[in-house]
Each structure stands twice: as C-alpha cells, then as structure tokens.
Amino acid sequence: IFLPISLAIIMFGMGLGLVTGDFVRLFSYPKVMLVGLCNQLLFLPLIGFAIVVMFDLNPSMAIGVMIISVCPGGPTSNLITQVSRGNVGLSVTLTALASLITVFTIPILLSKAIAYFTGNSGVIIQLPILKTILQILVITVIPISIGMMIRKRKEAFALRMEKPMRTASTVLFVIIFFIIIIANKDNLTQAMKEVGLPTLLLNLSTM
C-alpha cells in the first residue's frame, strides 16, 4: 500500500512543475519519442541478453536479468529525470507508452528467454492488460494531471510548492529504496555474488 501511494504523491509533485506545453511540444519532435522507445523496447533487451550470455549465468539469474531488461521504466524514472533536470514531459510520455506496449512485448520476449535458458518452451506468460492500464492511470496519469491543474489555476502556489515537493519526493524515493533492500535482505548477499557485476554492467552500458 505504501509504495503506490508514495509513487502517486511523487507524481503529483511532478505535475506541479509541468504545463500542457511540455507534452504538446513533444509531438513536434516525434523522433525523440521513437528513439526513446527503440532504446527501451529493442536495445535494452538485446544488451541484457548479450550480458547474460557473456557471463554464462545460471537459468534463474539469467531470466531475472531478462525480466529487468524487458520491463519498462516505472514512475521512479520520472523522478530521477526531474532531479537530474531532464525533460520530464518526455520521461512521463515514454513511461506511459512503454508501459502500455510492454503489456504485449513482455509475454513474447520473456517466453522466448525462458525457452532459451531452460529449454522449456511450454511456458505461457500473460499480463493483465486492464489492471496494467489502471495502475498507469492511478499511479502516474491522474496524480500528474491533478498537479498540472493546480499549476494552471494557482500558478504562484504551484511554483512555491515545486521545490519542497521535489525534496519530499527525493526523500520518499530514498525511503522506498531502503524498504525494498530490507524486504529482500535475505536474498541480496547471494544475488550480489551471482549477478551483481552483470546487473551493474547492464545499468552502466544502457545509460
């Protein structure tokens, strides 16, 4: 419960710093969205696969790395973009589009990966399309839209709150990060030994 609520709060704070023009402007430059989606949907899985093969990981770890590679960037990627002073409108748009597209690509790519690394070609993966769309709306689209509406109607208030909300969002992100580490502490030590270097290489190379 804490995680989605925290992400929604972070997205609301992000919306306070956005205007409609941030999204409208993207349609004048469709190439940038196409490049972003190609990087996310094509090159990331290919690089992930190459790293898995290069390190000759055992099947469970290999599939774990492939899951990371085929999944879209989530709401926290928007926060990192904001903190880095990047194009937040572009990040939000790519997050929404990639999340919708990967509902269809994840089952295909992950089934192929499982068949390749385990030899089991009978695994069928299905993702709940309606539930995924609902999650995108509740966690990302609606909170950002509310923030943008406040920015439009009470601009002075929104500008005044933008910096405190960015700080609060960063603190929330750090708390979420440590909660995830604590929740998985029993598996982390062994996982770091087996797959720490490959996942670090995956992150650095895809940046």
C-alpha atoms as a PDB file:
ATOM      1  CA  ILE A   1       0.000   0.000   0.000  1.00  0.00           C
ATOM      2  CA  PHE A   2       2.832   2.390   0.931  1.00  0.00           C
ATOM      3  CA  LEU A   3       4.649   2.015  -2.400  1.00  0.00           C
ATOM      4  CA  PRO A   4       1.848   3.013  -4.843  1.00  0.00           C
ATOM      5  CA  ILE A   5       0.671   5.839  -2.541  1.00  0.00           C
ATOM      6  CA  SER A   6       4.234   7.175  -2.309  1.00  0.00           C
ATOM      7  CA  LEU A   7       4.666   6.997  -6.077  1.00  0.00           C
ATOM      8  CA  ALA A   8       1.352   8.806  -6.610  1.00  0.00           C
ATOM      9  CA  ILE A   9       2.486  11.595  -4.240  1.00  0.00           C
ATOM     10  CA  ILE A  10       5.775  11.858  -6.141  1.00  0.00           C
ATOM     11  CA  MET A  11       3.899  12.075  -9.457  1.00  0.00           C
ATOM     12  CA  PHE A  12       1.584  14.770  -8.029  1.00  0.00           C
ATOM     13  CA  GLY A  13       4.595  16.860  -7.028  1.00  0.00           C
ATOM     14  CA  MET A  14       5.982  16.404 -10.512  1.00  0.00           C
ATOM     15  CA  GLY A  15       2.728  17.617 -12.035  1.00  0.00           C
ATOM     16  CA  LEU A  16       3.094  20.928 -10.170  1.00  0.00           C
ATOM     17  CA  GLY A  17       6.126  21.656 -12.346  1.00  0.00           C
ATOM     18  CA  LEU A  18       4.532  20.692 -15.679  1.00  0.00           C
ATOM     19  CA  VAL A  19       2.344  22.566 -18.155  1.00  0.00           C
ATOM     20  CA  THR A  20       0.409  21.295 -21.178  1.00  0.00           C
ATOM     21  CA  GLY A  21       3.064  22.729 -23.490  1.00  0.00           C
ATOM     22  CA  ASP A  22       5.617  20.273 -22.084  1.00  0.00           C
ATOM     23  CA  PHE A  23       3.639  17.461 -23.722  1.00  0.00           C
ATOM     24  CA  VAL A  24       2.307  19.265 -26.806  1.00  0.00           C
ATOM     25  CA  ARG A  25       5.874  20.228 -27.749  1.00  0.00           C
ATOM     26  CA  LEU A  26       6.846  16.541 -27.947  1.00  0.00           C
ATOM     27  CA  PHE A  27       4.578  15.965 -30.941  1.00  0.00           C
ATOM     28  CA  SER A  28       6.645  18.471 -32.906  1.00  0.00           C
ATOM     29  CA  TYR A  29       9.625  16.159 -32.382  1.00  0.00           C
ATOM     30  CA  PRO A  30       8.313  12.591 -32.827  1.00  0.00           C
ATOM     31  CA  LYS A  31      11.851  11.329 -33.490  1.00  0.00           C
ATOM     32  CA  VAL A  32      12.841  11.777 -29.836  1.00  0.00           C
ATOM     33  CA  MET A  33       9.956   9.562 -28.663  1.00  0.00           C
ATOM     34  CA  LEU A  34      10.757   6.960 -31.331  1.00  0.00           C
ATOM     35  CA  VAL A  35      14.415   6.847 -30.264  1.00  0.00           C
ATOM     36  CA  GLY A  36      13.415   6.543 -26.595  1.00  0.00           C
ATOM     37  CA  LEU A  37      11.004   3.679 -27.282  1.00  0.00           C
ATOM     38  CA  CYS A  38      13.519   1.858 -29.515  1.00  0.00           C
ATOM     39  CA  ASN A  39      16.164   2.111 -26.791  1.00  0.00           C
ATOM     40  CA  GLN A  40      13.714   0.806 -24.182  1.00  0.00           C
ATOM     41  CA  LEU A  41      11.963  -1.903 -26.177  1.00  0.00           C
ATOM     42  CA  LEU A  42      14.716  -3.176 -28.506  1.00  0.00           C
ATOM     43  CA  PHE A  43      18.239  -2.299 -27.411  1.00  0.00           C
ATOM     44  CA  LEU A  44      17.757  -2.824 -23.661  1.00  0.00           C
ATOM     45  CA  PRO A  45      16.581  -6.475 -24.059  1.00  0.00           C
ATOM     46  CA  LEU A  46      19.341  -7.131 -26.627  1.00  0.00           C
ATOM     47  CA  ILE A  47      22.054  -5.734 -24.346  1.00  0.00           C
ATOM     48  CA  GLY A  48      20.599  -7.668 -21.399  1.00  0.00           C
ATOM     49  CA  PHE A  49      20.656 -10.894 -23.433  1.00  0.00           C
ATOM     50  CA  ALA A  50      24.255 -10.271 -24.550  1.00  0.00           C
ATOM     51  CA  ILE A  51      25.392  -9.711 -20.938  1.00  0.00           C
ATOM     52  CA  VAL A  52      23.611 -12.864 -19.730  1.00  0.00           C
ATOM     53  CA  VAL A  53      25.284 -14.950 -22.444  1.00  0.00           C
ATOM     54  CA  MET A  54      28.682 -13.312 -21.825  1.00  0.00           C
ATOM     55  CA  PHE A  55      28.608 -14.129 -18.093  1.00  0.00           C
ATOM     56  CA  ASP A  56      27.024 -17.559 -18.660  1.00  0.00           C
ATOM     57  CA  LEU A  57      24.555 -17.044 -15.783  1.00  0.00           C
ATOM     58  CA  ASN A  58      22.510 -19.917 -14.377  1.00  0.00           C
ATOM     59  CA  PRO A  59      18.934 -20.087 -15.743  1.00  0.00           C
ATOM     60  CA  SER A  60      17.172 -18.415 -12.764  1.00  0.00           C
ATOM     61  CA  MET A  61      19.582 -15.450 -12.693  1.00  0.00           C
ATOM     62  CA  ALA A  62      19.582 -15.224 -16.497  1.00  0.00           C
ATOM     63  CA  ILE A  63      15.795 -14.964 -16.541  1.00  0.00           C
ATOM     64  CA  GLY A  64      15.959 -12.404 -13.701  1.00  0.00           C
ATOM     65  CA  VAL A  65      18.257 -10.161 -15.752  1.00  0.00           C
ATOM     66  CA  MET A  66      15.973 -10.589 -18.772  1.00  0.00           C
ATOM     67  CA  ILE A  67      12.943  -9.548 -16.677  1.00  0.00           C
ATOM     68  CA  ILE A  68      14.816  -6.346 -15.757  1.00  0.00           C
ATOM     69  CA  SER A  69      15.670  -5.804 -19.427  1.00  0.00           C
ATOM     70  CA  VAL A  70      12.193  -6.270 -20.903  1.00  0.00           C
ATOM     71  CA  CYS A  71      10.243  -4.292 -18.268  1.00  0.00           C
ATOM     72  CA  PRO A  72       9.514  -0.575 -18.882  1.00  0.00           C
ATOM     73  CA  GLY A  73      10.871   2.303 -16.827  1.00  0.00           C
ATOM     74  CA  GLY A  74       8.465   2.993 -13.965  1.00  0.00           C
ATOM     75  CA  PRO A  75       7.318   6.180 -12.217  1.00  0.00           C
ATOM     76  CA  THR A  76      10.622   6.477 -10.336  1.00  0.00           C
ATOM     77  CA  SER A  77      12.393   7.052 -13.664  1.00  0.00           C
ATOM     78  CA  ASN A  78      10.328  10.247 -13.975  1.00  0.00           C
ATOM     79  CA  LEU A  79      11.553  11.364 -10.543  1.00  0.00           C
ATOM     80  CA  ILE A  80      15.186  10.687 -11.465  1.00  0.00           C
ATOM     81  CA  THR A  81      14.648  12.690 -14.666  1.00  0.00           C
ATOM     82  CA  GLN A  82      13.223  15.584 -12.646  1.00  0.00           C
ATOM     83  CA  VAL A  83      16.055  15.536 -10.098  1.00  0.00           C
ATOM     84  CA  SER A  84      18.554  15.432 -12.987  1.00  0.00           C
ATOM     85  CA  ARG A  85      16.849  18.457 -14.608  1.00  0.00           C
ATOM     86  CA  GLY A  86      15.913  16.367 -17.649  1.00  0.00           C
ATOM     87  CA  ASN A  87      12.864  16.546 -19.910  1.00  0.00           C
ATOM     88  CA  VAL A  88      10.134  15.399 -17.500  1.00  0.00           C
ATOM     89  CA  GLY A  89       7.359  15.640 -20.120  1.00  0.00           C
ATOM     90  CA  LEU A  90       9.289  13.272 -22.368  1.00  0.00           C
ATOM     91  CA  SER A  91      10.018  10.883 -19.491  1.00  0.00           C
ATOM     92  CA  VAL A  92       6.358  10.731 -18.426  1.00  0.00           C
ATOM     93  CA  THR A  93       5.221  10.167 -22.026  1.00  0.00           C
ATOM     94  CA  LEU A  94       7.778   7.399 -22.583  1.00  0.00           C
ATOM     95  CA  THR A  95       6.844   5.745 -19.276  1.00  0.00           C
ATOM     96  CA  ALA A  96       3.152   5.672 -20.212  1.00  0.00           C
ATOM     97  CA  LEU A  97       3.717   4.497 -23.807  1.00  0.00           C
ATOM     98  CA  ALA A  98       6.325   1.865 -22.898  1.00  0.00           C
ATOM     99  CA  SER A  99       4.131   0.541 -20.068  1.00  0.00           C
ATOM    100  CA  LEU A 100       1.248   0.023 -22.495  1.00  0.00           C
ATOM    101  CA  ILE A 101       3.387  -1.519 -25.259  1.00  0.00           C
ATOM    102  CA  THR A 102       5.257  -3.884 -22.943  1.00  0.00           C
ATOM    103  CA  VAL A 103       1.973  -5.487 -21.856  1.00  0.00           C
ATOM    104  CA  PHE A 104       2.217  -7.171 -25.264  1.00  0.00           C
ATOM    105  CA  THR A 105       6.018  -7.459 -25.676  1.00  0.00           C
ATOM    106  CA  ILE A 106       6.914  -8.842 -22.213  1.00  0.00           C
ATOM    107  CA  PRO A 107       4.987 -12.150 -22.643  1.00  0.00           C
ATOM    108  CA  ILE A 108       6.639 -12.752 -26.053  1.00  0.00           C
ATOM    109  CA  LEU A 109      10.219 -11.843 -25.074  1.00  0.00           C
ATOM    110  CA  LEU A 110      10.115 -13.481 -21.660  1.00  0.00           C
ATOM    111  CA  SER A 111       8.627 -16.712 -23.023  1.00  0.00           C
ATOM    112  CA  LYS A 112      11.457 -16.829 -25.604  1.00  0.00           C
ATOM    113  CA  ALA A 113      14.043 -16.153 -22.858  1.00  0.00           C
ATOM    114  CA  ILE A 114      12.656 -18.923 -20.624  1.00  0.00           C
ATOM    115  CA  ALA A 115      12.637 -21.347 -23.561  1.00  0.00           C
ATOM    116  CA  TYR A 116      16.235 -20.414 -24.454  1.00  0.00           C
ATOM    117  CA  PHE A 117      17.718 -20.624 -20.931  1.00  0.00           C
ATOM    118  CA  THR A 118      15.717 -23.548 -19.534  1.00  0.00           C
ATOM    119  CA  GLY A 119      14.676 -25.481 -22.628  1.00  0.00           C
ATOM    120  CA  ASN A 120      11.043 -25.264 -21.503  1.00  0.00           C
ATOM    121  CA  SER A 121       9.084 -23.933 -24.474  1.00  0.00           C
ATOM    122  CA  GLY A 122       5.678 -24.626 -22.891  1.00  0.00           C
ATOM    123  CA  VAL A 123       5.642 -21.591 -20.567  1.00  0.00           C
ATOM    124  CA  ILE A 124       2.870 -19.109 -21.404  1.00  0.00           C
ATOM    125  CA  ILE A 125       3.075 -15.660 -19.822  1.00  0.00           C
ATOM    126  CA  GLN A 126       0.062 -13.367 -19.687  1.00  0.00           C
ATOM    127  CA  LEU A 127      -0.132  -9.873 -18.257  1.00  0.00           C
ATOM    128  CA  PRO A 128      -3.423  -8.302 -17.075  1.00  0.00           C
ATOM    129  CA  ILE A 129      -3.965  -5.538 -19.641  1.00  0.00           C
ATOM    130  CA  LEU A 130      -6.830  -3.783 -17.816  1.00  0.00           C
ATOM    131  CA  LYS A 131      -5.034  -3.901 -14.449  1.00  0.00           C
ATOM    132  CA  THR A 132      -1.846  -2.502 -16.013  1.00  0.00           C
ATOM    133  CA  ILE A 133      -3.708   0.403 -17.649  1.00  0.00           C
ATOM    134  CA  LEU A 134      -5.479   1.100 -14.341  1.00  0.00           C
ATOM    135  CA  GLN A 135      -2.153   1.166 -12.477  1.00  0.00           C
ATOM    136  CA  ILE A 136      -0.700   3.641 -15.001  1.00  0.00           C
ATOM    137  CA  LEU A 137      -3.748   5.878 -14.562  1.00  0.00           C
ATOM    138  CA  VAL A 138      -3.869   5.745 -10.745  1.00  0.00           C
ATOM    139  CA  ILE A 139      -0.139   5.991 -10.039  1.00  0.00           C
ATOM    140  CA  THR A 140       1.033   8.244 -12.884  1.00  0.00           C
ATOM    141  CA  VAL A 141      -1.551   9.927 -15.131  1.00  0.00           C
ATOM    142  CA  ILE A 142      -4.161  11.077 -12.567  1.00  0.00           C
ATOM    143  CA  PRO A 143      -1.725  12.463  -9.922  1.00  0.00           C
ATOM    144  CA  ILE A 144       0.293  14.321 -12.582  1.00  0.00           C
ATOM    145  CA  SER A 145      -2.932  15.690 -14.124  1.00  0.00           C
ATOM    146  CA  ILE A 146      -4.123  16.967 -10.719  1.00  0.00           C
ATOM    147  CA  GLY A 147      -0.756  18.654 -10.167  1.00  0.00           C
ATOM    148  CA  MET A 148      -0.926  20.261 -13.625  1.00  0.00           C
ATOM    149  CA  MET A 149      -4.485  21.516 -12.966  1.00  0.00           C
ATOM    150  CA  ILE A 150      -3.321  23.163  -9.737  1.00  0.00           C
ATOM    151  CA  ARG A 151      -0.362  24.670 -11.626  1.00  0.00           C
ATOM    152  CA  LYS A 152      -2.745  26.100 -14.227  1.00  0.00           C
ATOM    153  CA  ARG A 153      -5.240  27.584 -11.731  1.00  0.00           C
ATOM    154  CA  LYS A 154      -2.903  28.580  -8.898  1.00  0.00           C
ATOM    155  CA  GLU A 155       0.460  29.082 -10.545  1.00  0.00           C
ATOM    156  CA  ALA A 156       2.041  31.051  -7.685  1.00  0.00           C
ATOM    157  CA  PHE A 157       1.148  28.312  -5.191  1.00  0.00           C
ATOM    158  CA  ALA A 158       2.410  25.575  -7.535  1.00  0.00           C
ATOM    159  CA  LEU A 159       5.733  27.349  -8.120  1.00  0.00           C
ATOM    160  CA  ARG A 160       6.126  27.890  -4.375  1.00  0.00           C
ATOM    161  CA  MET A 161       5.467  24.207  -3.667  1.00  0.00           C
ATOM    162  CA  GLU A 162       7.578  22.820  -6.524  1.00  0.00           C
ATOM    163  CA  LYS A 163      10.918  22.811  -4.666  1.00  0.00           C
ATOM    164  CA  PRO A 164       9.555  21.413  -1.334  1.00  0.00           C
ATOM    165  CA  MET A 165       7.670  18.710  -3.243  1.00  0.00           C
ATOM    166  CA  ARG A 166      10.812  17.795  -5.203  1.00  0.00           C
ATOM    167  CA  THR A 167      12.723  17.466  -1.914  1.00  0.00           C
ATOM    168  CA  ALA A 168       9.911  15.411  -0.343  1.00  0.00           C
ATOM    169  CA  SER A 169       9.768  13.209  -3.449  1.00  0.00           C
ATOM    170  CA  THR A 170      13.502  12.539  -3.254  1.00  0.00           C
ATOM    171  CA  VAL A 171      13.225  11.627   0.444  1.00  0.00           C
ATOM    172  CA  LEU A 172      10.287   9.302  -0.318  1.00  0.00           C
ATOM    173  CA  PHE A 173      12.286   7.680  -3.112  1.00  0.00           C
ATOM    174  CA  VAL A 174      15.205   7.010  -0.748  1.00  0.00           C
ATOM    175  CA  ILE A 175      12.809   5.550   1.867  1.00  0.00           C
ATOM    176  CA  ILE A 176      11.240   3.269  -0.775  1.00  0.00           C
ATOM    177  CA  PHE A 177      14.727   2.205  -1.891  1.00  0.00           C
ATOM    178  CA  PHE A 178      15.739   1.174   1.647  1.00  0.00           C
ATOM    179  CA  ILE A 179      12.416  -0.577   2.299  1.00  0.00           C
ATOM    180  CA  ILE A 180      12.975  -2.704  -0.823  1.00  0.00           C
ATOM    181  CA  ILE A 181      16.525  -3.538   0.336  1.00  0.00           C
ATOM    182  CA  ILE A 182      15.320  -4.506   3.835  1.00  0.00           C
ATOM    183  CA  ALA A 183      12.470  -6.616   2.408  1.00  0.00           C
ATOM    184  CA  ASN A 184      14.947  -8.532   0.209  1.00  0.00           C
ATOM    185  CA  LYS A 185      17.956  -8.594   2.553  1.00  0.00           C
ATOM    186  CA  ASP A 186      17.954 -12.402   2.819  1.00  0.00           C
ATOM    187  CA  ASN A 187      18.418 -12.803  -0.937  1.00  0.00           C
ATOM    188  CA  LEU A 188      20.678  -9.811  -1.618  1.00  0.00           C
ATOM    189  CA  THR A 189      24.035 -11.227  -0.459  1.00  0.00           C
ATOM    190  CA  GLN A 190      23.833 -14.349  -2.603  1.00  0.00           C
ATOM    191  CA  ALA A 191      22.303 -12.439  -5.521  1.00  0.00           C
ATOM    192  CA  MET A 192      25.110  -9.853  -5.432  1.00  0.00           C
ATOM    193  CA  LYS A 193      27.697 -12.656  -5.642  1.00  0.00           C
ATOM    194  CA  GLU A 194      25.973 -14.313  -8.591  1.00  0.00           C
ATOM    195  CA  VAL A 195      24.636 -11.394 -10.591  1.00  0.00           C
ATOM    196  CA  GLY A 196      25.968  -8.154  -9.062  1.00  0.00           C
ATOM    197  CA  LEU A 197      28.541  -7.453 -11.770  1.00  0.00           C
ATOM    198  CA  PRO A 198      26.243  -8.336 -14.729  1.00  0.00           C
ATOM    199  CA  THR A 199      23.422  -6.083 -13.441  1.00  0.00           C
ATOM    200  CA  LEU A 200      25.877  -3.242 -12.756  1.00  0.00           C
ATOM    201  CA  LEU A 201      27.206  -3.619 -16.300  1.00  0.00           C
ATOM    202  CA  LEU A 202      23.628  -3.679 -17.635  1.00  0.00           C
ATOM    203  CA  ASN A 203      22.840  -0.368 -15.893  1.00  0.00           C
ATOM    204  CA  LEU A 204      26.076   1.362 -16.899  1.00  0.00           C
ATOM    205  CA  SER A 205      26.025   0.193 -20.537  1.00  0.00           C
ATOM    206  CA  THR A 206      22.360   1.104 -21.102  1.00  0.00           C
ATOM    207  CA  MET A 207      22.852   4.587 -19.636  1.00  0.00           C
END
